C-alpha atoms as a PDB file:
ATOM      1  CA  UNK A   1      -1.055  22.041  27.194  1.00  0.00           C
ATOM      2  CA  UNK A   2      -3.120  19.785  25.624  1.00  0.00           C
ATOM      3  CA  UNK A   3      -0.756  16.640  24.819  1.00  0.00           C
ATOM      4  CA  UNK A   4      -1.912  13.792  22.727  1.00  0.00           C
ATOM      5  CA  UNK A   5      -2.248  10.321  23.874  1.00  0.00           C
ATOM      6  CA  UNK A   6       0.691   8.151  22.181  1.00  0.00           C
ATOM      7  CA  UNK A   7      -0.203   4.923  20.215  1.00  0.00           C
ATOM      8  CA  UNK A   8       2.086   2.619  19.126  1.00  0.00           C
ATOM      9  CA  UNK A   9       1.366  -0.045  16.627  1.00  0.00           C
ATOM     10  CA  UNK A  10       3.650  -3.002  15.427  1.00  0.00           C
ATOM     11  CA  UNK A  11       3.561  -5.974  13.603  1.00  0.00           C
ATOM     12  CA  UNK A  12       5.765  -8.522  11.488  1.00  0.00           C
ATOM     13  CA  UNK A  13       4.738 -10.200   8.758  1.00  0.00           C
ATOM     14  CA  UNK A  14       2.670 -12.934   9.156  1.00  0.00           C
ATOM     15  CA  UNK A  15       0.158 -14.881   6.506  1.00  0.00           C
ATOM     16  CA  UNK A  16      -2.017 -15.849   9.129  1.00  0.00           C
ATOM     17  CA  UNK A  17      -3.142 -12.191   9.722  1.00  0.00           C
ATOM     18  CA  UNK A  18      -3.984 -11.861   6.202  1.00  0.00           C
ATOM     19  CA  UNK A  19      -7.434 -10.513   5.498  1.00  0.00           C
ATOM     20  CA  UNK A  20      -9.298 -10.209   2.015  1.00  0.00           C
ATOM     21  CA  UNK A  21      -8.645  -6.817   0.308  1.00  0.00           C
ATOM     22  CA  UNK A  22     -10.060  -5.204  -2.372  1.00  0.00           C
ATOM     23  CA  UNK A  23      -7.269  -6.898  -4.338  1.00  0.00           C
ATOM     24  CA  UNK A  24      -5.113  -9.648  -2.959  1.00  0.00           C
ATOM     25  CA  UNK A  25      -4.525  -9.449   0.916  1.00  0.00           C
ATOM     26  CA  UNK A  26      -3.623  -7.255   3.716  1.00  0.00           C
ATOM     27  CA  UNK A  27      -2.280  -7.620   6.954  1.00  0.00           C
ATOM     28  CA  UNK A  28      -2.927  -4.350   8.794  1.00  0.00           C
ATOM     29  CA  UNK A  29      -0.629  -2.896  11.162  1.00  0.00           C
ATOM     30  CA  UNK A  30      -2.990   0.194  11.734  1.00  0.00           C
ATOM     31  CA  UNK A  31      -6.263   0.295  10.714  1.00  0.00           C
ATOM     32  CA  UNK A  32      -7.734   3.937   9.750  1.00  0.00           C
ATOM     33  CA  UNK A  33      -9.409   5.639  13.006  1.00  0.00           C
ATOM     34  CA  UNK A  34      -6.912   4.110  15.265  1.00  0.00           C
ATOM     35  CA  UNK A  35      -5.088   6.302  17.584  1.00  0.00           C
ATOM     36  CA  UNK A  36      -7.633   8.632  17.120  1.00  0.00           C
ATOM     37  CA  UNK A  37      -6.196   9.435  13.358  1.00  0.00           C
ATOM     38  CA  UNK A  38      -8.973   8.810  11.180  1.00  0.00           C
ATOM     39  CA  UNK A  39      -6.781   9.447   8.122  1.00  0.00           C
ATOM     40  CA  UNK A  40      -3.763   7.291   8.996  1.00  0.00           C
ATOM     41  CA  UNK A  41      -3.463   3.626   8.260  1.00  0.00           C
ATOM     42  CA  UNK A  42      -0.778   1.274   7.152  1.00  0.00           C
ATOM     43  CA  UNK A  43       0.356  -2.347   6.611  1.00  0.00           C
ATOM     44  CA  UNK A  44       1.295  -5.077   4.272  1.00  0.00           C
ATOM     45  CA  UNK A  45      -0.507  -5.570   1.085  1.00  0.00           C
ATOM     46  CA  UNK A  46       0.074  -9.275  -0.604  1.00  0.00           C
ATOM     47  CA  UNK A  47      -0.672  -9.910  -4.009  1.00  0.00           C
ATOM     48  CA  UNK A  48       0.134 -11.908  -7.408  1.00  0.00           C
ATOM     49  CA  UNK A  49      -0.606 -11.853 -11.159  1.00  0.00           C
ATOM     50  CA  UNK A  50      -2.721 -14.361 -11.042  1.00  0.00           C
ATOM     51  CA  UNK A  51      -5.293 -11.991  -9.030  1.00  0.00           C
ATOM     52  CA  UNK A  52      -4.456  -9.362 -11.249  1.00  0.00           C
ATOM     53  CA  UNK A  53      -3.670 -10.635 -14.271  1.00  0.00           C
ATOM     54  CA  UNK A  54      -4.228  -7.464 -16.376  1.00  0.00           C
ATOM     55  CA  UNK A  55      -2.798  -3.863 -15.311  1.00  0.00           C
ATOM     56  CA  UNK A  56      -5.479  -1.847 -13.447  1.00  0.00           C
ATOM     57  CA  UNK A  57      -6.197   2.074 -13.011  1.00  0.00           C
ATOM     58  CA  UNK A  58      -6.353   3.213  -9.359  1.00  0.00           C
ATOM     59  CA  UNK A  59      -7.109   6.860  -8.287  1.00  0.00           C
ATOM     60  CA  UNK A  60      -5.173   7.525  -4.975  1.00  0.00           C
ATOM     61  CA  UNK A  61      -8.013   7.932  -2.573  1.00  0.00           C
ATOM     62  CA  UNK A  62      -5.600   9.312   0.032  1.00  0.00           C
ATOM     63  CA  UNK A  63      -1.597  10.674  -0.042  1.00  0.00           C
ATOM     64  CA  UNK A  64       0.193   6.662  -0.087  1.00  0.00           C
ATOM     65  CA  UNK A  65       3.469   5.884   0.256  1.00  0.00           C
ATOM     66  CA  UNK A  66       4.799   2.395  -0.452  1.00  0.00           C
ATOM     67  CA  UNK A  67       7.934   0.765   0.080  1.00  0.00           C
ATOM     68  CA  UNK A  68       8.041  -2.850  -1.847  1.00  0.00           C
ATOM     69  CA  UNK A  69       9.426  -6.006   0.526  1.00  0.00           C
ATOM     70  CA  UNK A  70       9.544  -8.322  -2.288  1.00  0.00           C
ATOM     71  CA  UNK A  71       8.402  -8.723  -5.994  1.00  0.00           C
ATOM     72  CA  UNK A  72       7.885  -6.174  -8.614  1.00  0.00           C
ATOM     73  CA  UNK A  73       5.059  -3.940  -9.440  1.00  0.00           C
ATOM     74  CA  UNK A  74       4.989  -1.198 -12.867  1.00  0.00           C
ATOM     75  CA  UNK A  75       2.749   1.950 -11.478  1.00  0.00           C
ATOM     76  CA  UNK A  76       2.077   4.536 -14.502  1.00  0.00           C
ATOM     77  CA  UNK A  77       1.397   7.637 -13.697  1.00  0.00           C
ATOM     78  CA  UNK A  78      -1.087  10.000 -15.843  1.00  0.00           C
ATOM     79  CA  UNK A  79       1.037  12.457 -17.159  1.00  0.00           C
ATOM     80  CA  UNK A  80       3.764   9.267 -18.779  1.00  0.00           C
ATOM     81  CA  UNK A  81       5.923   8.867 -15.736  1.00  0.00           C
ATOM     82  CA  UNK A  82       6.325   5.530 -15.024  1.00  0.00           C
ATOM     83  CA  UNK A  83       8.064   3.519 -11.788  1.00  0.00           C
ATOM     84  CA  UNK A  84       9.193   0.010 -12.142  1.00  0.00           C
ATOM     85  CA  UNK A  85       9.241  -1.094  -8.074  1.00  0.00           C
ATOM     86  CA  UNK A  86      11.373  -3.922  -6.994  1.00  0.00           C
ATOM     87  CA  UNK A  87      12.526  -4.995  -3.730  1.00  0.00           C
ATOM     88  CA  UNK A  88      13.635  -1.909  -1.916  1.00  0.00           C
ATOM     89  CA  UNK A  89      12.065   0.216  -4.108  1.00  0.00           C
ATOM     90  CA  UNK A  90       9.839   2.943  -2.878  1.00  0.00           C
ATOM     91  CA  UNK A  91       7.400   5.935  -4.294  1.00  0.00           C
ATOM     92  CA  UNK A  92       5.147   8.423  -2.571  1.00  0.00           C
ATOM     93  CA  UNK A  93       1.658   9.287  -4.613  1.00  0.00           C
ATOM     94  CA  UNK A  94      -0.812  12.537  -3.392  1.00  0.00           C
ATOM     95  CA  UNK A  95      -4.066  12.115  -2.870  1.00  0.00           C
ATOM     96  CA  UNK A  96      -6.244  12.515  -6.817  1.00  0.00           C
ATOM     97  CA  UNK A  97      -3.112  10.748  -8.466  1.00  0.00           C
ATOM     98  CA  UNK A  98      -4.536   8.594 -11.613  1.00  0.00           C
ATOM     99  CA  UNK A  99      -2.452   5.828 -11.790  1.00  0.00           C
ATOM    100  CA  UNK A 100      -2.181   2.203 -13.592  1.00  0.00           C
ATOM    101  CA  UNK A 101      -0.595  -0.609 -11.699  1.00  0.00           C
ATOM    102  CA  UNK A 102       0.796  -4.019 -13.092  1.00  0.00           C
ATOM    103  CA  UNK A 103       1.488  -6.682 -10.542  1.00  0.00           C
ATOM    104  CA  UNK A 104       4.505  -8.899 -12.692  1.00  0.00           C
ATOM    105  CA  UNK A 105       5.292 -10.949  -9.846  1.00  0.00           C
ATOM    106  CA  UNK A 106       4.242 -11.880  -6.443  1.00  0.00           C
ATOM    107  CA  UNK A 107       4.737  -8.670  -4.217  1.00  0.00           C
ATOM    108  CA  UNK A 108       4.489  -7.682  -0.811  1.00  0.00           C
ATOM    109  CA  UNK A 109       4.350  -4.063  -0.191  1.00  0.00           C
ATOM    110  CA  UNK A 110       4.179  -1.926   2.959  1.00  0.00           C
ATOM    111  CA  UNK A 111       1.565   0.942   2.730  1.00  0.00           C
ATOM    112  CA  UNK A 112       0.909   4.100   4.719  1.00  0.00           C
ATOM    113  CA  UNK A 113      -2.373   6.062   4.106  1.00  0.00           C
ATOM    114  CA  UNK A 114      -2.095   9.514   5.453  1.00  0.00           C
END
């Protein structure tokens, strides 16, 4: 029987570990490919309304689950469903989902791509 070696990643919010991202900044907990998992990644996304003053369209490139640590996002999914997410809120999107995001307050989001 073949077993997969374990891989453990751990991080606490640390603004000193933030790095530029497509929009805002990210603190990676697990990067794509670590632990021999090319499609799995997670981290903390930091964004504020000055970085995204207007709503923006986003097609999900992977399955993505998010949890809002602080802040406020409004995410509309093609077809008319809208999520107002604040601290403690969570949502999950399938790869290929067409969405429109509005950053309504400085936000920290924990995300998992799979």
